[in-house]
PDB file of N, CA and C in Angstrom:
ATOM      1  N   MET A   1      -1.598   3.749  -7.626  1.00  0.00           N
ATOM      2  CA  MET A   1      -0.596   4.014  -6.702  1.00  0.00           C
ATOM      3  C   MET A   1       0.709   3.695  -7.301  1.00  0.00           C
ATOM      4  N   ARG A   2       1.554   4.948  -7.488  1.00  0.00           N
ATOM      5  CA  ARG A   2       2.868   4.788  -8.002  1.00  0.00           C
ATOM      6  C   ARG A   2       3.805   4.626  -6.839  1.00  0.00           C
ATOM      7  N   LEU A   3       4.773   3.680  -7.107  1.00  0.00           N
ATOM      8  CA  LEU A   3       5.784   3.359  -6.122  1.00  0.00           C
ATOM      9  C   LEU A   3       7.121   3.844  -6.688  1.00  0.00           C
ATOM     10  N   GLY A   4       7.841   4.430  -5.650  1.00  0.00           N
ATOM     11  CA  GLY A   4       9.226   4.897  -5.979  1.00  0.00           C
ATOM     12  C   GLY A   4      10.136   3.685  -5.934  1.00  0.00           C
ATOM     13  N   ILE A   5      11.365   3.986  -6.102  1.00  0.00           N
ATOM     14  CA  ILE A   5      12.428   2.814  -6.075  1.00  0.00           C
ATOM     15  C   ILE A   5      12.433   2.282  -4.675  1.00  0.00           C
ATOM     16  N   LEU A   6      12.669   3.152  -3.695  1.00  0.00           N
ATOM     17  CA  LEU A   6      12.581   2.570  -2.340  1.00  0.00           C
ATOM     18  C   LEU A   6      11.406   1.805  -1.968  1.00  0.00           C
ATOM     19  N   ASP A   7      10.278   2.335  -2.264  1.00  0.00           N
ATOM     20  CA  ASP A   7       8.941   1.660  -1.927  1.00  0.00           C
ATOM     21  C   ASP A   7       8.946   0.296  -2.704  1.00  0.00           C
ATOM     22  N   THR A   8       9.267   0.209  -4.016  1.00  0.00           N
ATOM     23  CA  THR A   8       9.404  -1.048  -4.657  1.00  0.00           C
ATOM     24  C   THR A   8      10.274  -2.123  -3.972  1.00  0.00           C
ATOM     25  N   LEU A   9      11.464  -1.587  -3.549  1.00  0.00           N
ATOM     26  CA  LEU A   9      12.360  -2.498  -2.848  1.00  0.00           C
ATOM     27  C   LEU A   9      11.794  -2.942  -1.516  1.00  0.00           C
ATOM     28  N   GLY A  10      11.021  -2.069  -0.787  1.00  0.00           N
ATOM     29  CA  GLY A  10      10.378  -2.329   0.443  1.00  0.00           C
ATOM     30  C   GLY A  10       9.362  -3.421   0.346  1.00  0.00           C
ATOM     31  N   LEU A  11       8.566  -3.258  -0.810  1.00  0.00           N
ATOM     32  CA  LEU A  11       7.489  -4.185  -1.228  1.00  0.00           C
ATOM     33  C   LEU A  11       8.072  -5.597  -1.524  1.00  0.00           C
ATOM     34  N   ALA A  12       9.180  -5.560  -2.309  1.00  0.00           N
ATOM     35  CA  ALA A  12       9.890  -6.841  -2.602  1.00  0.00           C
ATOM     36  C   ALA A  12      10.373  -7.550  -1.356  1.00  0.00           C
ATOM     37  N   ALA A  13      10.907  -6.838  -0.418  1.00  0.00           N
ATOM     38  CA  ALA A  13      11.353  -7.536   0.863  1.00  0.00           C
ATOM     39  C   ALA A  13      10.228  -8.027   1.617  1.00  0.00           C
ATOM     40  N   THR A  14       9.183  -7.300   1.592  1.00  0.00           N
ATOM     41  CA  THR A  14       7.835  -7.693   2.234  1.00  0.00           C
ATOM     42  C   THR A  14       7.337  -9.023   1.777  1.00  0.00           C
ATOM     43  N   VAL A  15       7.329  -9.041   0.466  1.00  0.00           N
ATOM     44  CA  VAL A  15       6.863 -10.334  -0.294  1.00  0.00           C
ATOM     45  C   VAL A  15       7.761 -11.411  -0.076  1.00  0.00           C
ATOM     46  N   ILE A  16       9.214 -11.191   0.138  1.00  0.00           N
ATOM     47  CA  ILE A  16      10.025 -12.295   0.391  1.00  0.00           C
ATOM     48  C   ILE A  16       9.750 -12.973   1.702  1.00  0.00           C
ATOM     49  N   PHE A  17       9.253 -12.046   2.790  1.00  0.00           N
ATOM     50  CA  PHE A  17       8.971 -12.715   4.094  1.00  0.00           C
ATOM     51  C   PHE A  17       7.488 -13.196   4.098  1.00  0.00           C
ATOM     52  N   ALA A  18       6.542 -12.734   3.410  1.00  0.00           N
ATOM     53  CA  ALA A  18       5.197 -13.096   3.331  1.00  0.00           C
ATOM     54  C   ALA A  18       4.924 -14.461   2.551  1.00  0.00           C
ATOM     55  N   LEU A  19       5.790 -14.581   1.522  1.00  0.00           N
ATOM     56  CA  LEU A  19       5.635 -15.735   0.748  1.00  0.00           C
ATOM     57  C   LEU A  19       5.735 -17.018   1.433  1.00  0.00           C
ATOM     58  N   PRO A  20       6.785 -17.354   2.346  1.00  0.00           N
ATOM     59  CA  PRO A  20       6.769 -18.662   3.059  1.00  0.00           C
ATOM     60  C   PRO A  20       5.559 -18.649   3.934  1.00  0.00           C
ATOM     61  N   VAL A  21       5.034 -17.580   4.573  1.00  0.00           N
ATOM     62  CA  VAL A  21       3.897 -17.559   5.502  1.00  0.00           C
ATOM     63  C   VAL A  21       2.720 -18.121   4.667  1.00  0.00           C
ATOM     64  N   GLY A  22       2.572 -17.435   3.446  1.00  0.00           N
ATOM     65  CA  GLY A  22       1.419 -17.948   2.641  1.00  0.00           C
ATOM     66  C   GLY A  22       1.526 -19.330   2.037  1.00  0.00           C
ATOM     67  N   LEU A  23       2.689 -19.824   1.721  1.00  0.00           N
ATOM     68  CA  LEU A  23       2.798 -21.141   1.292  1.00  0.00           C
ATOM     69  C   LEU A  23       2.524 -22.215   2.450  1.00  0.00           C
ATOM     70  N   TYR A  24       3.059 -21.853   3.558  1.00  0.00           N
ATOM     71  CA  TYR A  24       2.736 -22.755   4.677  1.00  0.00           C
ATOM     72  C   TYR A  24       1.269 -22.720   5.072  1.00  0.00           C
ATOM     73  N   GLY A  25       0.648 -21.629   4.814  1.00  0.00           N
ATOM     74  CA  GLY A  25      -0.789 -21.490   5.069  1.00  0.00           C
ATOM     75  C   GLY A  25      -1.534 -22.578   4.011  1.00  0.00           C
ATOM     76  N   VAL A  26      -1.067 -22.480   2.807  1.00  0.00           N
ATOM     77  CA  VAL A  26      -1.762 -23.359   1.878  1.00  0.00           C
ATOM     78  C   VAL A  26      -1.595 -24.835   2.184  1.00  0.00           C
ATOM     79  N   GLU A  27      -0.229 -25.060   2.614  1.00  0.00           N
ATOM     80  CA  GLU A  27       0.043 -26.457   2.782  1.00  0.00           C
ATOM     81  C   GLU A  27      -0.625 -26.905   4.115  1.00  0.00           C
ATOM     82  N   THR A  28      -0.881 -26.003   4.988  1.00  0.00           N
ATOM     83  CA  THR A  28      -1.517 -26.404   6.237  1.00  0.00           C
ATOM     84  C   THR A  28      -3.137 -26.588   5.937  1.00  0.00           C
ATOM     85  N   ALA A  29      -3.698 -25.783   5.209  1.00  0.00           N
ATOM     86  CA  ALA A  29      -5.034 -25.799   4.855  1.00  0.00           C
ATOM     87  C   ALA A  29      -5.221 -27.218   4.060  1.00  0.00           C
ATOM     88  N   LEU A  30      -4.393 -27.424   3.221  1.00  0.00           N
ATOM     89  CA  LEU A  30      -4.565 -28.782   2.350  1.00  0.00           C
ATOM     90  C   LEU A  30      -4.276 -29.986   3.165  1.00  0.00           C
ATOM     91  N   ALA A  31      -3.486 -29.803   4.324  1.00  0.00           N
ATOM     92  CA  ALA A  31      -3.336 -30.996   5.135  1.00  0.00           C
ATOM     93  C   ALA A  31      -4.439 -31.255   6.164  1.00  0.00           C
ATOM     94  N   GLY A  32      -5.421 -30.467   6.130  1.00  0.00           N
ATOM     95  CA  GLY A  32      -6.626 -30.774   7.025  1.00  0.00           C
ATOM     96  C   GLY A  32      -6.804 -29.798   8.097  1.00  0.00           C
ATOM     97  N   ARG A  33      -6.156 -28.641   8.087  1.00  0.00           N
ATOM     98  CA  ARG A  33      -6.373 -27.801   9.062  1.00  0.00           C
ATOM     99  C   ARG A  33      -6.704 -26.468   8.417  1.00  0.00           C
ATOM    100  N   PRO A  34      -7.974 -26.312   7.968  1.00  0.00           N
ATOM    101  CA  PRO A  34      -8.290 -25.158   7.208  1.00  0.00           C
ATOM    102  C   PRO A  34      -8.302 -23.688   7.932  1.00  0.00           C
ATOM    103  N   VAL A  35      -8.626 -23.882   9.147  1.00  0.00           N
ATOM    104  CA  VAL A  35      -8.692 -22.702  10.055  1.00  0.00           C
ATOM    105  C   VAL A  35      -7.203 -22.051  10.229  1.00  0.00           C
ATOM    106  N   LEU A  36      -6.349 -22.851  10.551  1.00  0.00           N
ATOM    107  CA  LEU A  36      -5.010 -22.337  10.762  1.00  0.00           C
ATOM    108  C   LEU A  36      -4.361 -21.846   9.427  1.00  0.00           C
ATOM    109  N   GLY A  37      -4.662 -22.619   8.407  1.00  0.00           N
ATOM    110  CA  GLY A  37      -4.131 -22.354   6.965  1.00  0.00           C
ATOM    111  C   GLY A  37      -4.639 -21.065   6.418  1.00  0.00           C
ATOM    112  N   GLY A  38      -6.006 -20.833   6.646  1.00  0.00           N
ATOM    113  CA  GLY A  38      -6.668 -19.609   6.314  1.00  0.00           C
ATOM    114  C   GLY A  38      -6.144 -18.420   7.031  1.00  0.00           C
ATOM    115  N   GLY A  39      -5.938 -18.684   8.248  1.00  0.00           N
ATOM    116  CA  GLY A  39      -5.372 -17.524   9.181  1.00  0.00           C
ATOM    117  C   GLY A  39      -3.971 -17.157   8.669  1.00  0.00           C
ATOM    118  N   LEU A  40      -3.139 -18.147   8.407  1.00  0.00           N
ATOM    119  CA  LEU A  40      -1.858 -17.862   7.870  1.00  0.00           C
ATOM    120  C   LEU A  40      -1.836 -17.102   6.571  1.00  0.00           C
ATOM    121  N   LEU A  41      -2.834 -17.375   5.672  1.00  0.00           N
ATOM    122  CA  LEU A  41      -2.987 -16.727   4.374  1.00  0.00           C
ATOM    123  C   LEU A  41      -3.502 -15.311   4.613  1.00  0.00           C
ATOM    124  N   VAL A  42      -4.306 -15.175   5.597  1.00  0.00           N
ATOM    125  CA  VAL A  42      -4.727 -13.744   5.879  1.00  0.00           C
ATOM    126  C   VAL A  42      -3.531 -12.955   6.332  1.00  0.00           C
ATOM    127  N   VAL A  43      -2.774 -13.594   7.259  1.00  0.00           N
ATOM    128  CA  VAL A  43      -1.596 -12.885   7.843  1.00  0.00           C
ATOM    129  C   VAL A  43      -0.605 -12.500   6.819  1.00  0.00           C
ATOM    130  N   ALA A  44      -0.394 -13.495   5.854  1.00  0.00           N
ATOM    131  CA  ALA A  44       0.532 -13.097   4.541  1.00  0.00           C
ATOM    132  C   ALA A  44       0.023 -11.917   3.811  1.00  0.00           C
ATOM    133  N   ALA A  45      -1.390 -11.945   3.585  1.00  0.00           N
ATOM    134  CA  ALA A  45      -1.950 -10.826   2.712  1.00  0.00           C
ATOM    135  C   ALA A  45      -1.853  -9.516   3.508  1.00  0.00           C
ATOM    136  N   LEU A  46      -2.018  -9.542   4.802  1.00  0.00           N
ATOM    137  CA  LEU A  46      -1.983  -8.272   5.650  1.00  0.00           C
ATOM    138  C   LEU A  46      -0.594  -7.820   5.667  1.00  0.00           C
ATOM    139  N   MET A  47       0.418  -8.729   5.718  1.00  0.00           N
ATOM    140  CA  MET A  47       1.799  -8.327   5.601  1.00  0.00           C
ATOM    141  C   MET A  47       2.178  -7.351   4.402  1.00  0.00           C
ATOM    142  N   ILE A  48       1.500  -7.686   3.233  1.00  0.00           N
ATOM    143  CA  ILE A  48       1.821  -7.203   2.114  1.00  0.00           C
ATOM    144  C   ILE A  48       0.950  -5.799   1.905  1.00  0.00           C
ATOM    145  N   PHE A  49      -0.356  -5.959   2.214  1.00  0.00           N
ATOM    146  CA  PHE A  49      -1.345  -4.816   1.923  1.00  0.00           C
ATOM    147  C   PHE A  49      -1.340  -3.712   2.987  1.00  0.00           C
ATOM    148  N   LEU A  50      -1.158  -4.011   4.307  1.00  0.00           N
ATOM    149  CA  LEU A  50      -1.168  -3.093   5.323  1.00  0.00           C
ATOM    150  C   LEU A  50      -0.153  -1.912   5.230  1.00  0.00           C
ATOM    151  N   PRO A  51       1.049  -2.213   5.047  1.00  0.00           N
ATOM    152  CA  PRO A  51       2.068  -1.238   4.840  1.00  0.00           C
ATOM    153  C   PRO A  51       1.833  -0.271   3.725  1.00  0.00           C
ATOM    154  N   GLN A  52       1.097  -0.727   2.680  1.00  0.00           N
ATOM    155  CA  GLN A  52       0.929   0.230   1.451  1.00  0.00           C
ATOM    156  C   GLN A  52      -0.230   1.108   1.853  1.00  0.00           C
ATOM    157  N   ARG A  53      -1.069   0.765   2.643  1.00  0.00           N
ATOM    158  CA  ARG A  53      -2.502   1.442   3.125  1.00  0.00           C
ATOM    159  C   ARG A  53      -2.430   2.339   4.255  1.00  0.00           C
ATOM    160  N   LEU A  54      -1.642   1.964   5.251  1.00  0.00           N
ATOM    161  CA  LEU A  54      -1.661   2.590   6.602  1.00  0.00           C
ATOM    162  C   LEU A  54      -0.765   3.772   6.574  1.00  0.00           C
ATOM    163  N   THR A  55      -1.076   4.902   7.320  1.00  0.00           N
ATOM    164  CA  THR A  55      -0.314   6.021   7.469  1.00  0.00           C
ATOM    165  C   THR A  55       0.589   5.961   8.689  1.00  0.00           C
ATOM    166  N   THR A  56       1.821   6.085   8.575  1.00  0.00           N
ATOM    167  CA  THR A  56       2.713   5.981   9.642  1.00  0.00           C
ATOM    168  C   THR A  56       3.028   7.329  10.072  1.00  0.00           C
ATOM    169  N   PRO A  57       3.661   7.507  11.287  1.00  0.00           N
ATOM    170  CA  PRO A  57       3.926   8.790  11.765  1.00  0.00           C
ATOM    171  C   PRO A  57       4.959   9.538  10.849  1.00  0.00           C
ATOM    172  N   ALA A  58       5.827   8.747  10.170  1.00  0.00           N
ATOM    173  CA  ALA A  58       6.781   9.488   9.266  1.00  0.00           C
ATOM    174  C   ALA A  58       6.027   9.972   8.063  1.00  0.00           C
ATOM    175  N   ASP A  59       4.928   9.375   7.711  1.00  0.00           N
ATOM    176  CA  ASP A  59       4.111   9.942   6.561  1.00  0.00           C
ATOM    177  C   ASP A  59       3.250  11.228   6.835  1.00  0.00           C
ATOM    178  N   LEU A  60       2.924  11.534   8.139  1.00  0.00           N
ATOM    179  CA  LEU A  60       2.145  12.523   8.394  1.00  0.00           C
ATOM    180  C   LEU A  60       2.596  13.908   7.900  1.00  0.00           C
ATOM    181  N   PRO A  61       3.797  14.408   8.173  1.00  0.00           N
ATOM    182  CA  PRO A  61       4.142  15.707   7.676  1.00  0.00           C
ATOM    183  C   PRO A  61       3.956  15.876   6.140  1.00  0.00           C
ATOM    184  N   ALA A  62       4.328  14.787   5.368  1.00  0.00           N
ATOM    185  CA  ALA A  62       4.154  15.005   3.850  1.00  0.00           C
ATOM    186  C   ALA A  62       2.684  15.008   3.554  1.00  0.00           C
ATOM    187  N   ALA A  63       1.851  14.356   4.283  1.00  0.00           N
ATOM    188  CA  ALA A  63       0.326  14.306   4.061  1.00  0.00           C
ATOM    189  C   ALA A  63      -0.233  15.674   4.459  1.00  0.00           C
ATOM    190  N   ILE A  64       0.175  16.301   5.568  1.00  0.00           N
ATOM    191  CA  ILE A  64      -0.372  17.585   5.909  1.00  0.00           C
ATOM    192  C   ILE A  64       0.101  18.653   4.870  1.00  0.00           C
ATOM    193  N   VAL A  65       1.320  18.519   4.503  1.00  0.00           N
ATOM    194  CA  VAL A  65       1.776  19.597   3.521  1.00  0.00           C
ATOM    195  C   VAL A  65       1.019  19.456   2.203  1.00  0.00           C
ATOM    196  N   GLY A  66       0.729  18.232   1.779  1.00  0.00           N
ATOM    197  CA  GLY A  66       0.061  18.023   0.562  1.00  0.00           C
ATOM    198  C   GLY A  66      -1.348  18.433   0.622  1.00  0.00           C
ATOM    199  N   ARG A  67      -2.099  18.402   1.738  1.00  0.00           N
ATOM    200  CA  ARG A  67      -3.333  18.921   1.941  1.00  0.00           C
ATOM    201  C   ARG A  67      -3.388  20.326   2.018  1.00  0.00           C
ATOM    202  N   VAL A  68      -2.313  20.954   2.699  1.00  0.00           N
ATOM    203  CA  VAL A  68      -2.431  22.398   2.820  1.00  0.00           C
ATOM    204  C   VAL A  68      -2.092  23.063   1.436  1.00  0.00           C
ATOM    205  N   ILE A  69      -1.185  22.623   0.835  1.00  0.00           N
ATOM    206  CA  ILE A  69      -0.925  22.999  -0.554  1.00  0.00           C
ATOM    207  C   ILE A  69      -2.108  22.862  -1.545  1.00  0.00           C
ATOM    208  N   GLY A  70      -2.649  21.614  -1.486  1.00  0.00           N
ATOM    209  CA  GLY A  70      -3.774  21.201  -2.385  1.00  0.00           C
ATOM    210  C   GLY A  70      -5.010  22.156  -2.054  1.00  0.00           C
ATOM    211  N   GLY A  71      -5.062  22.623  -0.904  1.00  0.00           N
ATOM    212  CA  GLY A  71      -6.258  23.523  -0.598  1.00  0.00           C
ATOM    213  C   GLY A  71      -5.984  24.850  -1.006  1.00  0.00           C
ATOM    214  N   ALA A  72      -4.668  25.429  -0.887  1.00  0.00           N
ATOM    215  CA  ALA A  72      -4.349  26.803  -1.133  1.00  0.00           C
ATOM    216  C   ALA A  72      -4.237  26.984  -2.692  1.00  0.00           C
ATOM    217  N   VAL A  73      -3.659  26.086  -3.438  1.00  0.00           N
ATOM    218  CA  VAL A  73      -3.294  26.267  -4.889  1.00  0.00           C
ATOM    219  C   VAL A  73      -4.430  25.477  -5.618  1.00  0.00           C
ATOM    220  N   LYS A  74      -5.045  26.242  -6.493  1.00  0.00           N
ATOM    221  CA  LYS A  74      -6.023  25.581  -7.353  1.00  0.00           C
ATOM    222  C   LYS A  74      -5.457  25.386  -8.644  1.00  0.00           C
ATOM    223  N   GLU A  75      -5.865  24.140  -9.166  1.00  0.00           N
ATOM    224  CA  GLU A  75      -5.407  23.662 -10.519  1.00  0.00           C
ATOM    225  C   GLU A  75      -6.225  24.579 -11.469  1.00  0.00           C
ATOM    226  N   PRO A  76      -5.610  24.958 -12.697  1.00  0.00           N
ATOM    227  CA  PRO A  76      -6.354  25.798 -13.635  1.00  0.00           C
ATOM    228  C   PRO A  76      -7.367  24.773 -14.428  1.00  0.00           C
ATOM    229  N   ASP A  77      -8.463  25.310 -14.730  1.00  0.00           N
ATOM    230  CA  ASP A  77      -9.488  24.515 -15.607  1.00  0.00           C
ATOM    231  C   ASP A  77      -8.989  24.245 -16.989  1.00  0.00           C
ATOM    232  N   PRO A  78      -8.841  22.992 -17.321  1.00  0.00           N
ATOM    233  CA  PRO A  78      -8.284  22.681 -18.721  1.00  0.00           C
ATOM    234  C   PRO A  78      -9.183  23.190 -19.849  1.00  0.00           C
ATOM    235  N   ASP A  79     -10.530  23.592 -19.439  1.00  0.00           N
ATOM    236  CA  ASP A  79     -11.412  23.805 -20.511  1.00  0.00           C
ATOM    237  C   ASP A  79     -11.306  25.313 -20.943  1.00  0.00           C
ATOM    238  N   THR A  80     -10.698  26.145 -20.042  1.00  0.00           N
ATOM    239  CA  THR A  80     -10.655  27.635 -20.342  1.00  0.00           C
ATOM    240  C   THR A  80      -9.216  28.017 -20.777  1.00  0.00           C
ATOM    241  N   ASP A  81      -9.173  28.801 -21.702  1.00  0.00           N
ATOM    242  CA  ASP A  81      -7.969  29.372 -22.316  1.00  0.00           C
ATOM    243  C   ASP A  81      -7.696  30.728 -21.748  1.00  0.00           C
ATOM    244  N   PRO A  82      -6.398  30.704 -21.180  1.00  0.00           N
ATOM    245  CA  PRO A  82      -5.982  31.980 -20.490  1.00  0.00           C
ATOM    246  C   PRO A  82      -5.874  33.195 -21.447  1.00  0.00           C
ATOM    247  N   ASP A  83      -5.915  32.929 -22.664  1.00  0.00           N
ATOM    248  CA  ASP A  83      -5.628  33.926 -23.673  1.00  0.00           C
ATOM    249  C   ASP A  83      -6.879  34.548 -24.110  1.00  0.00           C
ATOM    250  N   ASP A  84      -8.133  33.926 -23.748  1.00  0.00           N
ATOM    251  CA  ASP A  84      -9.418  34.396 -24.168  1.00  0.00           C
ATOM    252  C   ASP A  84     -10.067  35.303 -23.215  1.00  0.00           C
ATOM    253  N   GLU A  85      -9.273  36.301 -22.750  1.00  0.00           N
ATOM    254  CA  GLU A  85      -9.970  37.208 -21.766  1.00  0.00           C
ATOM    255  C   GLU A  85     -10.799  38.410 -22.442  1.00  0.00           C
TER     256      GLU A  85
END
């Protein structure tokens, strides 16, 4: 998964907000409330991973165009030489 500059900045901003939630989850779990701490760790992990995996309405047009073009245009086979006709 390659990230562009804006995607990388968005991920960094997400990590900035997820890090305190995760640290509080660790502290809470170590303080004797493992269910709440584990839940907070799950929330922190989901804050980071869900935006990378979910398709948003803004992503749909690009995904549709990619599938249409990918289905219409075939990649040449690297094993065949076009000069060997």
